[in-house]
N, C-alpha and C. Protein backbone atom coordinates (compact mmCIF):
# COMPACT_ATOMS: atom_id res chain seq x y z
N UNK A 1 222.63 120.83 74.32
CA UNK A 1 222.89 122.25 74.16
C UNK A 1 224.34 122.58 74.53
N UNK A 2 224.82 122.00 75.63
CA UNK A 2 226.15 122.36 76.10
C UNK A 2 227.23 122.00 75.09
N UNK A 3 227.16 120.81 74.52
CA UNK A 3 228.21 120.41 73.59
C UNK A 3 228.16 121.26 72.32
N UNK A 4 226.96 121.58 71.85
CA UNK A 4 226.83 122.42 70.65
C UNK A 4 227.33 123.83 70.96
N UNK A 5 226.97 124.36 72.12
CA UNK A 5 227.45 125.69 72.50
C UNK A 5 228.97 125.70 72.62
N UNK A 6 229.54 124.67 73.20
CA UNK A 6 231.00 124.60 73.32
C UNK A 6 231.65 124.60 71.94
N UNK A 7 231.02 123.93 70.98
CA UNK A 7 231.57 123.89 69.62
C UNK A 7 231.39 125.21 68.89
N UNK A 8 230.28 125.91 69.16
CA UNK A 8 229.97 127.16 68.45
C UNK A 8 230.75 128.35 68.99
N UNK A 9 231.13 128.31 70.24
CA UNK A 9 231.85 129.44 70.83
C UNK A 9 230.93 130.39 71.55
N UNK A 10 230.62 131.52 70.92
CA UNK A 10 229.77 132.54 71.55
C UNK A 10 228.65 132.97 70.60
N UNK A 11 227.73 132.07 70.29
CA UNK A 11 226.66 132.42 69.36
C UNK A 11 225.60 133.29 70.01
N UNK A 12 224.79 133.91 69.16
CA UNK A 12 223.57 134.56 69.65
C UNK A 12 222.63 133.46 70.10
N UNK A 13 221.69 133.82 71.00
CA UNK A 13 220.70 132.84 71.44
C UNK A 13 220.00 132.21 70.25
N UNK A 14 219.57 133.05 69.32
CA UNK A 14 218.82 132.55 68.17
C UNK A 14 219.66 131.60 67.32
N UNK A 15 220.95 131.84 67.22
CA UNK A 15 221.83 130.96 66.44
C UNK A 15 221.94 129.58 67.08
N UNK A 16 222.06 129.55 68.40
CA UNK A 16 222.13 128.26 69.10
C UNK A 16 220.82 127.50 68.93
N UNK A 17 219.71 128.18 69.11
CA UNK A 17 218.40 127.54 69.00
C UNK A 17 218.20 127.01 67.58
N UNK A 18 218.58 127.79 66.59
CA UNK A 18 218.48 127.36 65.19
C UNK A 18 219.34 126.12 64.95
N UNK A 19 220.54 126.13 65.49
CA UNK A 19 221.45 124.99 65.32
C UNK A 19 220.89 123.73 65.98
N UNK A 20 220.18 123.91 67.08
CA UNK A 20 219.58 122.77 67.79
C UNK A 20 218.33 122.25 67.09
N UNK A 21 217.81 122.99 66.12
CA UNK A 21 216.62 122.62 65.36
C UNK A 21 215.42 122.38 66.27
N UNK A 22 215.16 123.34 67.15
CA UNK A 22 213.98 123.27 68.02
C UNK A 22 213.16 124.54 67.84
N UNK A 23 211.93 124.50 68.31
CA UNK A 23 211.09 125.69 68.28
C UNK A 23 211.71 126.76 69.17
N UNK A 24 211.55 128.01 68.76
CA UNK A 24 212.20 129.11 69.47
C UNK A 24 211.82 129.16 70.94
N UNK A 25 210.52 129.04 71.25
CA UNK A 25 210.07 129.13 72.65
C UNK A 25 210.68 128.01 73.49
N UNK A 26 210.74 126.82 72.94
CA UNK A 26 211.34 125.69 73.66
C UNK A 26 212.83 125.92 73.88
N UNK A 27 213.49 126.44 72.86
CA UNK A 27 214.92 126.73 72.97
C UNK A 27 215.22 127.78 74.02
N UNK A 28 214.40 128.84 74.05
CA UNK A 28 214.58 129.88 75.06
C UNK A 28 214.41 129.30 76.45
N UNK A 29 213.43 128.40 76.62
CA UNK A 29 213.20 127.77 77.92
C UNK A 29 214.43 126.97 78.36
N UNK A 30 215.00 126.20 77.46
CA UNK A 30 216.20 125.42 77.80
C UNK A 30 217.36 126.35 78.13
N UNK A 31 217.57 127.37 77.31
CA UNK A 31 218.66 128.32 77.56
C UNK A 31 218.49 128.97 78.93
N UNK A 32 217.28 129.40 79.25
CA UNK A 32 217.04 130.04 80.55
C UNK A 32 217.32 129.09 81.70
N UNK A 33 216.95 127.82 81.54
CA UNK A 33 217.24 126.84 82.60
C UNK A 33 218.74 126.62 82.75
N UNK A 34 219.46 126.55 81.64
CA UNK A 34 220.91 126.36 81.71
C UNK A 34 221.61 127.57 82.32
N UNK A 35 221.10 128.76 82.03
CA UNK A 35 221.62 129.98 82.66
C UNK A 35 221.37 129.90 84.17
N UNK A 36 220.15 129.53 84.55
CA UNK A 36 219.80 129.42 85.96
C UNK A 36 220.63 128.40 86.71
N UNK A 37 221.05 127.36 86.02
CA UNK A 37 221.88 126.32 86.63
C UNK A 37 223.36 126.72 86.67
N UNK A 38 223.69 127.82 85.99
CA UNK A 38 225.08 128.28 85.97
C UNK A 38 225.95 127.59 84.94
N UNK A 39 225.35 126.85 83.99
CA UNK A 39 226.13 126.14 82.99
C UNK A 39 226.45 126.98 81.76
N UNK A 40 225.64 127.99 81.51
CA UNK A 40 225.94 128.94 80.44
C UNK A 40 225.66 130.34 80.96
N UNK A 41 226.25 131.32 80.29
CA UNK A 41 225.99 132.71 80.67
C UNK A 41 225.70 133.53 79.43
N UNK A 42 224.90 134.57 79.66
CA UNK A 42 224.55 135.51 78.60
C UNK A 42 225.43 136.75 78.74
N UNK A 43 225.72 137.37 77.62
CA UNK A 43 226.41 138.65 77.65
C UNK A 43 225.98 139.46 76.43
N UNK A 44 226.07 140.78 76.51
CA UNK A 44 225.60 141.63 75.41
C UNK A 44 226.42 141.41 74.14
N UNK A 45 225.75 141.48 73.01
CA UNK A 45 226.41 141.43 71.72
C UNK A 45 226.96 142.83 71.44
N UNK A 46 228.24 142.93 71.20
CA UNK A 46 228.87 144.23 70.97
C UNK A 46 228.36 144.92 69.71
N UNK A 47 227.93 144.14 68.73
CA UNK A 47 227.50 144.70 67.45
C UNK A 47 225.99 144.93 67.35
N UNK A 48 225.23 144.31 68.25
CA UNK A 48 223.77 144.42 68.19
C UNK A 48 223.24 144.45 69.62
N UNK A 49 222.94 145.63 70.10
CA UNK A 49 222.53 145.79 71.50
C UNK A 49 221.22 145.08 71.84
N UNK A 50 220.44 144.73 70.82
CA UNK A 50 219.19 144.00 71.07
C UNK A 50 219.43 142.52 71.33
N UNK A 51 220.59 142.03 70.94
CA UNK A 51 220.88 140.60 71.03
C UNK A 51 221.76 140.27 72.22
N UNK A 52 221.61 139.04 72.67
CA UNK A 52 222.48 138.49 73.71
C UNK A 52 223.26 137.33 73.11
N UNK A 53 224.48 137.21 73.54
CA UNK A 53 225.30 136.07 73.14
C UNK A 53 225.42 135.13 74.33
N UNK A 54 225.82 133.92 74.04
CA UNK A 54 225.95 132.89 75.06
C UNK A 54 227.35 132.32 75.05
N UNK A 55 227.78 131.84 76.21
CA UNK A 55 229.02 131.08 76.30
C UNK A 55 228.88 130.07 77.42
N UNK A 56 229.58 128.97 77.26
CA UNK A 56 229.55 127.94 78.29
C UNK A 56 230.46 128.38 79.43
N UNK A 57 230.05 128.09 80.66
CA UNK A 57 230.84 128.47 81.83
C UNK A 57 231.77 127.31 82.21
N UNK A 58 232.64 127.57 83.17
CA UNK A 58 233.50 126.50 83.69
C UNK A 58 232.65 125.37 84.26
N UNK A 59 231.58 125.74 84.97
CA UNK A 59 230.68 124.71 85.52
C UNK A 59 230.04 123.91 84.39
N UNK A 60 229.69 124.57 83.30
CA UNK A 60 229.12 123.88 82.14
C UNK A 60 230.11 122.93 81.51
N UNK A 61 231.36 123.37 81.37
CA UNK A 61 232.40 122.50 80.82
C UNK A 61 232.63 121.30 81.72
N UNK A 62 232.62 121.53 83.03
CA UNK A 62 232.83 120.44 83.99
C UNK A 62 231.72 119.41 83.90
N UNK A 63 230.47 119.86 83.90
CA UNK A 63 229.35 118.92 83.84
C UNK A 63 229.34 118.18 82.51
N UNK A 64 229.73 118.86 81.45
CA UNK A 64 229.81 118.22 80.13
C UNK A 64 230.86 117.12 80.15
N UNK A 65 232.03 117.42 80.70
CA UNK A 65 233.09 116.41 80.80
C UNK A 65 232.67 115.24 81.68
N UNK A 66 231.93 115.53 82.73
CA UNK A 66 231.44 114.47 83.62
C UNK A 66 230.46 113.55 82.92
N UNK A 67 229.77 114.04 81.91
CA UNK A 67 228.77 113.24 81.19
C UNK A 67 229.39 112.25 80.21
N UNK A 68 230.58 112.55 79.70
CA UNK A 68 231.16 111.71 78.66
C UNK A 68 231.35 110.25 79.08
N UNK A 69 231.89 109.96 80.27
CA UNK A 69 232.03 108.55 80.65
C UNK A 69 230.68 107.82 80.71
N UNK A 70 229.66 108.50 81.19
CA UNK A 70 228.32 107.89 81.26
C UNK A 70 227.79 107.65 79.85
N UNK A 71 227.94 108.64 78.97
CA UNK A 71 227.47 108.48 77.59
C UNK A 71 228.21 107.33 76.89
N UNK A 72 229.50 107.18 77.18
CA UNK A 72 230.26 106.08 76.59
C UNK A 72 229.74 104.73 77.07
N UNK A 73 229.39 104.63 78.33
CA UNK A 73 228.85 103.38 78.87
C UNK A 73 227.49 103.07 78.25
N UNK A 74 226.66 104.09 78.08
CA UNK A 74 225.36 103.89 77.43
C UNK A 74 225.57 103.40 76.00
N UNK A 75 226.51 104.00 75.29
CA UNK A 75 226.81 103.57 73.92
C UNK A 75 227.30 102.12 73.90
N UNK A 76 228.12 101.75 74.88
CA UNK A 76 228.59 100.36 74.96
C UNK A 76 227.41 99.39 75.07
N UNK A 77 226.44 99.73 75.90
CA UNK A 77 225.25 98.88 76.06
C UNK A 77 224.44 98.85 74.77
N UNK A 78 224.23 100.01 74.18
CA UNK A 78 223.37 100.11 72.99
C UNK A 78 223.95 99.39 71.79
N UNK A 79 225.26 99.40 71.64
CA UNK A 79 225.88 98.89 70.43
C UNK A 79 226.72 97.64 70.63
N UNK A 80 226.64 97.03 71.79
CA UNK A 80 227.50 95.88 72.09
C UNK A 80 227.21 94.67 71.20
N UNK A 81 226.01 94.57 70.65
CA UNK A 81 225.68 93.42 69.81
C UNK A 81 226.12 93.60 68.36
N UNK A 82 226.65 94.77 68.02
CA UNK A 82 227.08 95.04 66.64
C UNK A 82 228.56 94.76 66.47
N UNK A 83 228.91 94.26 65.29
CA UNK A 83 230.32 94.11 64.95
C UNK A 83 230.88 95.49 64.60
N UNK A 84 232.19 95.57 64.47
CA UNK A 84 232.81 96.85 64.11
C UNK A 84 232.33 97.32 62.73
N UNK A 85 232.17 96.41 61.79
CA UNK A 85 231.71 96.81 60.46
C UNK A 85 230.24 97.25 60.51
N UNK A 86 229.43 96.63 61.35
CA UNK A 86 228.04 97.06 61.50
C UNK A 86 227.97 98.44 62.15
N UNK A 87 228.85 98.69 63.12
CA UNK A 87 228.89 100.02 63.75
C UNK A 87 229.27 101.08 62.73
N UNK A 88 230.24 100.77 61.88
CA UNK A 88 230.67 101.73 60.85
C UNK A 88 229.52 102.00 59.87
N UNK A 89 228.80 100.96 59.49
CA UNK A 89 227.66 101.12 58.58
C UNK A 89 226.56 101.95 59.24
N UNK A 90 226.28 101.68 60.50
CA UNK A 90 225.28 102.44 61.23
C UNK A 90 225.64 103.92 61.27
N UNK A 91 226.89 104.23 61.53
CA UNK A 91 227.34 105.62 61.57
C UNK A 91 227.13 106.28 60.21
N UNK A 92 227.46 105.57 59.14
CA UNK A 92 227.26 106.13 57.79
C UNK A 92 225.78 106.42 57.53
N UNK A 93 224.92 105.50 57.89
CA UNK A 93 223.49 105.68 57.64
C UNK A 93 222.93 106.82 58.48
N UNK A 94 223.29 106.85 59.76
CA UNK A 94 222.79 107.92 60.63
C UNK A 94 223.30 109.28 60.19
N UNK A 95 224.55 109.34 59.74
CA UNK A 95 225.10 110.60 59.25
C UNK A 95 224.34 111.08 58.01
N UNK A 96 224.04 110.15 57.11
CA UNK A 96 223.27 110.51 55.91
C UNK A 96 221.89 111.03 56.28
N UNK A 97 221.21 110.35 57.19
CA UNK A 97 219.89 110.80 57.63
C UNK A 97 219.97 112.16 58.32
N UNK A 98 220.99 112.36 59.13
CA UNK A 98 221.14 113.64 59.84
C UNK A 98 221.32 114.78 58.85
N UNK A 99 222.20 114.61 57.88
CA UNK A 99 222.41 115.66 56.88
C UNK A 99 221.15 115.93 56.07
N UNK A 100 220.45 114.87 55.66
CA UNK A 100 219.23 115.00 54.87
C UNK A 100 218.16 115.76 55.65
N UNK A 101 217.92 115.36 56.87
CA UNK A 101 216.85 115.99 57.64
C UNK A 101 217.23 117.40 58.10
N UNK A 102 218.49 117.63 58.40
CA UNK A 102 218.92 118.98 58.77
C UNK A 102 218.70 119.95 57.61
N UNK A 103 219.05 119.52 56.41
CA UNK A 103 218.85 120.37 55.23
C UNK A 103 217.36 120.67 55.03
N UNK A 104 216.54 119.66 55.12
CA UNK A 104 215.10 119.86 54.91
C UNK A 104 214.46 120.64 56.04
N UNK A 105 214.97 120.49 57.25
CA UNK A 105 214.46 121.30 58.37
C UNK A 105 214.68 122.77 58.07
N UNK A 106 215.87 123.11 57.63
CA UNK A 106 216.18 124.51 57.35
C UNK A 106 215.34 125.05 56.19
N UNK A 107 215.08 124.23 55.19
CA UNK A 107 214.27 124.65 54.04
C UNK A 107 212.78 124.72 54.37
N UNK A 108 212.35 124.00 55.38
CA UNK A 108 210.92 123.85 55.67
C UNK A 108 210.51 124.48 56.99
N UNK A 109 211.28 125.41 57.48
CA UNK A 109 211.08 125.96 58.82
C UNK A 109 209.63 126.32 59.12
N UNK A 110 208.96 127.03 58.25
CA UNK A 110 207.59 127.48 58.53
C UNK A 110 206.55 126.78 57.66
N UNK A 111 206.93 125.69 57.04
CA UNK A 111 206.02 124.98 56.14
C UNK A 111 205.12 124.04 56.93
N UNK A 112 203.96 123.76 56.37
CA UNK A 112 203.06 122.78 56.95
C UNK A 112 203.52 121.37 56.62
N UNK A 113 202.95 120.39 57.32
CA UNK A 113 203.37 119.01 57.13
C UNK A 113 203.18 118.54 55.70
N UNK A 114 202.05 118.86 55.08
CA UNK A 114 201.79 118.40 53.72
C UNK A 114 202.84 118.92 52.74
N UNK A 115 203.23 120.17 52.91
CA UNK A 115 204.27 120.75 52.04
C UNK A 115 205.60 120.05 52.26
N UNK A 116 205.94 119.81 53.51
CA UNK A 116 207.19 119.10 53.83
C UNK A 116 207.14 117.69 53.25
N UNK A 117 206.03 117.02 53.44
CA UNK A 117 205.86 115.66 52.92
C UNK A 117 206.06 115.62 51.41
N UNK A 118 205.40 116.53 50.71
CA UNK A 118 205.51 116.56 49.25
C UNK A 118 206.93 116.84 48.79
N UNK A 119 207.67 117.63 49.54
CA UNK A 119 209.04 117.96 49.18
C UNK A 119 209.98 116.78 49.45
N UNK A 120 209.72 116.04 50.51
CA UNK A 120 210.67 115.02 50.95
C UNK A 120 210.38 113.61 50.44
N UNK A 121 209.12 113.32 50.17
CA UNK A 121 208.76 111.95 49.79
C UNK A 121 208.48 111.92 48.29
N UNK A 122 209.28 111.17 47.55
CA UNK A 122 209.09 111.12 46.08
C UNK A 122 207.79 110.44 45.69
């Protein structure tokens, strides 16, 4: 959530949750926990008084920066057996899958599994 929020700037809660591709109730729970931890803050939307916007705090930026070295070490362990060309191929395949599933997630938000299956599986 923190890295996506940092990239998005000051989205509405619903926009962040939609971008994360999670159920609304689960997303609200995560947002509330991050607010409680002081990593993000809510503020009123100037254009829509019913909505709240979010922004990452200095503490959130700090914890995010602190995570990068650990994430890099985990990636080193996970991918150490791959050659550079295999890593490049893996990135291409994962990117293709991410784009494909993100598009279908957005198109199938309230659809049942059978409908999603029929749309996605030839």
